[in-house]
Amino acid sequence: QVQLVESGGGLVQAGDSLSLSCAASGRTFSIYRMGWFRQAPGKEREFVAAISSSGSTLYYADSVKGRFTVSRVTAKNTVYLRLNNLKPEDTAVYYCAAVSGDTDYTRVVNQRSYDYWGQGTQVTVSS
């Protein structure tokens, strides 16, 4: 079992930055691929970014590429998402997710491939 707790959301203005954290329980954090997803009001949850278990491979949605950065610190059992140059369309609840092992891009971006989810943290960007 893995428990995930996100933090760091908030209300910011367009162009500002935020850093989200996702703390994971358990002693085998290093084997988990970690993903970030988001869900805006009235929309389906969508892939944002992911990082392989080793941290060597990063994945991003086109909409956030160049603005968001995913990273992880295994010693802290934590994965991070740095959000730069935020836009109103980035407003959503952001969730982190985990699954054991790595796979191809098709599954990385598919929320159904993840076994564990956090409760989410709200990010609101005003124009």
Foldseek 3Di string as FASTA:
>chain_A
DKAKAKDWADEEAAQAKTKMKIAIDDDPLLQKKKFKWWDDPPGDIWGAKIAHSNRPDIDGDPVQPPAKDWGDDNVRNMIMIMGGRDDQVVWTWMKMFIDGHDDDPVLRGDPVNTDYIYPTDTHGYHD
